[in-house]
Amino acid sequence: MVKKKKFAEGYSFYKYFLIFIIGSIFGFVYETILEFIQTGNISFKQELIYGPFLPVYGLGAILFMFVISKTKSYFKTFFICTILGGILEYFYSFFQEMFFGTISWDYSNQITNIDGRTSLFYAAFWGVLAVIFKAYLYPFFSNLIEKIPKKIGTPIIWAIIIFMAFNINITIFSSLRQNARSKNIAPQNSIDLFYDTYYPDELLNKIYVDRKRR
């Protein structure tokens, strides 16, 4: 008898995508709780316009998943993800500032920082998180994902893919238009007018409370 294949079995595209979503939501929850602990204020930390998502954590989760698929050693996982996590954080911040003119974090006050975009401390944090991910989080969520009935999982995941593609595109282009407005660049076409009308600075500043311009 042929064994029935599970939904998103192994290191499949579907599982990578769902781990990205889970990681993005985890980042939102973690950063929101951290902000409350540090300031006593409830400030929702989201990077996309719609939904509780911080894609930098989702990308980190994908990075972790790829690394643990290649190595069994916890030490190697920590070491590799410390380096790659720092690189990810650095370039995520770099491209955010390059294209949108904003930054979401600044580690300039830390002795080991690199251009304020990452630091040895936060790079090591990525390494520690990767070990926790390998030991506890990935096995739990992998097993949970594979228990989803295939007939239900496939249409749901494609609905989420379409939604996230829309969400990411709206976020990118509204942020690009906001950056243009900050430079007093008038709308050039009907698309610019659409973003000026439906995604004005007041709305974006309310969503991205932690973003600053350099």
Foldseek 3Di string as FASTA:
>chain_A
DDDDAFPCPDPDPLVLVVLLQVQQLVVQVVVQVVCCVVPVDRAGADLWLDDNGDNLRSVLSSVLSVVVVPDVDLVVLLVVQLVVNQVSQQVVQVVCCVQQQKGQFFQPVDPQDDRRRGGSVVSSVSSVVSSCCNPPVVVVVSVVSRPPDPVVSPVVSVVVVVVVVVRVVLSRVLSNLQSCVVVVNDDDDVVSVVSCVPPNPVSVCSNNVRMDGD
